[in-house]
């Protein structure tokens, strides 16, 4: 299973784009983007949206990878992680229906 940063790096390299080029286009420091690609730092949602556009990726799919990874890391050390995700799915559906 690929991590968010791996997905971005693979696509960037496939496009022949240097790290510093992509960093400049999304208006962040090259070192920060490098850490994002290595999984040492989280990108901001706005940055993910820009990356998807610049690298001509499916924005929805990239956001799903990004958000799901953030959630997974948040509950990674919880013994109840899988149960939490199941309940959270039901709550998301409920909250959407009862806005």
C-alpha atoms as a PDB file:
ATOM      1  CA  UNK A   1       0.000   0.000   0.000  1.00  0.00           C
ATOM      2  CA  UNK A   2       1.432   3.337  -1.033  1.00  0.00           C
ATOM      3  CA  UNK A   3       1.619   6.246   1.340  1.00  0.00           C
ATOM      4  CA  UNK A   4       0.456   9.713   0.323  1.00  0.00           C
ATOM      5  CA  UNK A   5       4.021  11.010  -0.024  1.00  0.00           C
ATOM      6  CA  UNK A   6       5.045   8.046  -2.160  1.00  0.00           C
ATOM      7  CA  UNK A   7       2.122   8.660  -4.489  1.00  0.00           C
ATOM      8  CA  UNK A   8       3.082  12.314  -4.911  1.00  0.00           C
ATOM      9  CA  UNK A   9       6.782  11.540  -5.417  1.00  0.00           C
ATOM     10  CA  UNK A  10       6.069   8.834  -7.987  1.00  0.00           C
ATOM     11  CA  UNK A  11       3.770  11.095  -9.993  1.00  0.00           C
ATOM     12  CA  UNK A  12       6.145  14.080  -9.750  1.00  0.00           C
ATOM     13  CA  UNK A  13       9.078  11.995 -10.946  1.00  0.00           C
ATOM     14  CA  UNK A  14       7.008  10.448 -13.745  1.00  0.00           C
ATOM     15  CA  UNK A  15       6.300  13.985 -14.941  1.00  0.00           C
ATOM     16  CA  UNK A  16      10.016  14.783 -14.866  1.00  0.00           C
ATOM     17  CA  UNK A  17       9.455  17.531 -12.318  1.00  0.00           C
ATOM     18  CA  UNK A  18      12.070  18.389  -9.740  1.00  0.00           C
ATOM     19  CA  UNK A  19      11.134  18.669  -6.084  1.00  0.00           C
ATOM     20  CA  UNK A  20      12.014  22.360  -6.069  1.00  0.00           C
ATOM     21  CA  UNK A  21       9.798  22.993  -9.099  1.00  0.00           C
ATOM     22  CA  UNK A  22       6.724  21.485  -7.493  1.00  0.00           C
ATOM     23  CA  UNK A  23       7.490  23.206  -4.195  1.00  0.00           C
ATOM     24  CA  UNK A  24       7.638  26.573  -5.961  1.00  0.00           C
ATOM     25  CA  UNK A  25       4.341  25.942  -7.739  1.00  0.00           C
ATOM     26  CA  UNK A  26       2.526  25.159  -4.494  1.00  0.00           C
ATOM     27  CA  UNK A  27       4.348  27.954  -2.700  1.00  0.00           C
ATOM     28  CA  UNK A  28       6.149  25.978   0.000  1.00  0.00           C
ATOM     29  CA  UNK A  29       9.768  25.424   0.880  1.00  0.00           C
ATOM     30  CA  UNK A  30      11.507  22.538  -0.894  1.00  0.00           C
ATOM     31  CA  UNK A  31      12.513  21.027   2.449  1.00  0.00           C
ATOM     32  CA  UNK A  32       8.882  20.952   3.566  1.00  0.00           C
ATOM     33  CA  UNK A  33       7.752  19.200   0.402  1.00  0.00           C
ATOM     34  CA  UNK A  34      10.596  16.736   0.805  1.00  0.00           C
ATOM     35  CA  UNK A  35       9.355  15.930   4.317  1.00  0.00           C
ATOM     36  CA  UNK A  36       5.806  15.515   2.998  1.00  0.00           C
ATOM     37  CA  UNK A  37       7.018  13.051   0.397  1.00  0.00           C
ATOM     38  CA  UNK A  38       8.982  11.124   3.039  1.00  0.00           C
ATOM     39  CA  UNK A  39       5.988  11.044   5.384  1.00  0.00           C
ATOM     40  CA  UNK A  40       7.694  13.180   8.014  1.00  0.00           C
ATOM     41  CA  UNK A  41       5.253  16.056   7.725  1.00  0.00           C
ATOM     42  CA  UNK A  42       1.603  16.440   6.783  1.00  0.00           C
ATOM     43  CA  UNK A  43       0.585  18.580   3.867  1.00  0.00           C
ATOM     44  CA  UNK A  44      -2.276  21.026   4.199  1.00  0.00           C
ATOM     45  CA  UNK A  45      -5.469  20.252   2.339  1.00  0.00           C
ATOM     46  CA  UNK A  46      -4.995  23.292   0.086  1.00  0.00           C
ATOM     47  CA  UNK A  47      -1.541  22.014  -0.843  1.00  0.00           C
ATOM     48  CA  UNK A  48      -2.968  18.604  -1.692  1.00  0.00           C
ATOM     49  CA  UNK A  49      -5.527  20.222  -3.981  1.00  0.00           C
ATOM     50  CA  UNK A  50      -2.781  22.227  -5.725  1.00  0.00           C
ATOM     51  CA  UNK A  51      -0.577  19.153  -6.084  1.00  0.00           C
ATOM     52  CA  UNK A  52      -3.413  17.236  -7.718  1.00  0.00           C
ATOM     53  CA  UNK A  53      -3.992  19.995 -10.254  1.00  0.00           C
ATOM     54  CA  UNK A  54      -0.323  20.565 -11.047  1.00  0.00           C
ATOM     55  CA  UNK A  55       0.468  16.864 -11.411  1.00  0.00           C
ATOM     56  CA  UNK A  56      -2.804  16.248 -13.293  1.00  0.00           C
ATOM     57  CA  UNK A  57      -4.044  13.753 -10.740  1.00  0.00           C
ATOM     58  CA  UNK A  58      -7.579  12.895  -9.757  1.00  0.00           C
ATOM     59  CA  UNK A  59      -8.156  15.371  -6.931  1.00  0.00           C
ATOM     60  CA  UNK A  60     -10.809  13.263  -5.226  1.00  0.00           C
ATOM     61  CA  UNK A  61      -8.601  10.162  -5.181  1.00  0.00           C
ATOM     62  CA  UNK A  62      -5.608  12.087  -3.858  1.00  0.00           C
ATOM     63  CA  UNK A  63      -7.729  13.706  -1.134  1.00  0.00           C
ATOM     64  CA  UNK A  64      -9.052  10.284  -0.107  1.00  0.00           C
ATOM     65  CA  UNK A  65      -5.466   9.030   0.231  1.00  0.00           C
ATOM     66  CA  UNK A  66      -4.465  12.133   2.187  1.00  0.00           C
ATOM     67  CA  UNK A  67      -7.444  12.201   4.564  1.00  0.00           C
ATOM     68  CA  UNK A  68      -7.498   8.461   5.179  1.00  0.00           C
ATOM     69  CA  UNK A  69      -3.791   8.483   6.002  1.00  0.00           C
ATOM     70  CA  UNK A  70      -4.307  11.337   8.464  1.00  0.00           C
ATOM     71  CA  UNK A  71      -7.091   9.421  10.188  1.00  0.00           C
ATOM     72  CA  UNK A  72      -5.098   6.182  10.221  1.00  0.00           C
ATOM     73  CA  UNK A  73      -2.109   7.858  11.856  1.00  0.00           C
ATOM     74  CA  UNK A  74      -4.373   9.557  14.388  1.00  0.00           C
ATOM     75  CA  UNK A  75      -5.785   6.268  15.699  1.00  0.00           C
ATOM     76  CA  UNK A  76      -2.904   3.942  14.817  1.00  0.00           C
ATOM     77  CA  UNK A  77      -1.992   3.081  18.390  1.00  0.00           C
ATOM     78  CA  UNK A  78      -5.545   2.574  19.590  1.00  0.00           C
ATOM     79  CA  UNK A  79      -6.512  -1.034  20.244  1.00  0.00           C
ATOM     80  CA  UNK A  80     -10.019  -0.138  19.130  1.00  0.00           C
ATOM     81  CA  UNK A  81      -8.975   1.519  15.847  1.00  0.00           C
ATOM     82  CA  UNK A  82     -10.995  -0.719  13.529  1.00  0.00           C
ATOM     83  CA  UNK A  83     -14.084  -0.461  15.748  1.00  0.00           C
ATOM     84  CA  UNK A  84     -13.670   3.307  15.870  1.00  0.00           C
ATOM     85  CA  UNK A  85     -13.597   3.506  12.072  1.00  0.00           C
ATOM     86  CA  UNK A  86     -16.771   1.451  11.762  1.00  0.00           C
ATOM     87  CA  UNK A  87     -18.642   3.662  14.212  1.00  0.00           C
ATOM     88  CA  UNK A  88     -17.225   6.801  12.612  1.00  0.00           C
ATOM     89  CA  UNK A  89     -18.568   5.703   9.223  1.00  0.00           C
ATOM     90  CA  UNK A  90     -22.050   5.389  10.679  1.00  0.00           C
ATOM     91  CA  UNK A  91     -21.738   8.765  12.389  1.00  0.00           C
ATOM     92  CA  UNK A  92     -20.646  10.478   9.178  1.00  0.00           C
ATOM     93  CA  UNK A  93     -23.719   9.095   7.419  1.00  0.00           C
ATOM     94  CA  UNK A  94     -25.964  10.163  10.301  1.00  0.00           C
ATOM     95  CA  UNK A  95     -24.522  13.665  10.548  1.00  0.00           C
ATOM     96  CA  UNK A  96     -24.877  14.213   6.807  1.00  0.00           C
ATOM     97  CA  UNK A  97     -28.510  13.148   6.876  1.00  0.00           C
ATOM     98  CA  UNK A  98     -29.315  15.327   9.888  1.00  0.00           C
ATOM     99  CA  UNK A  99     -27.656  18.610   9.067  1.00  0.00           C
END
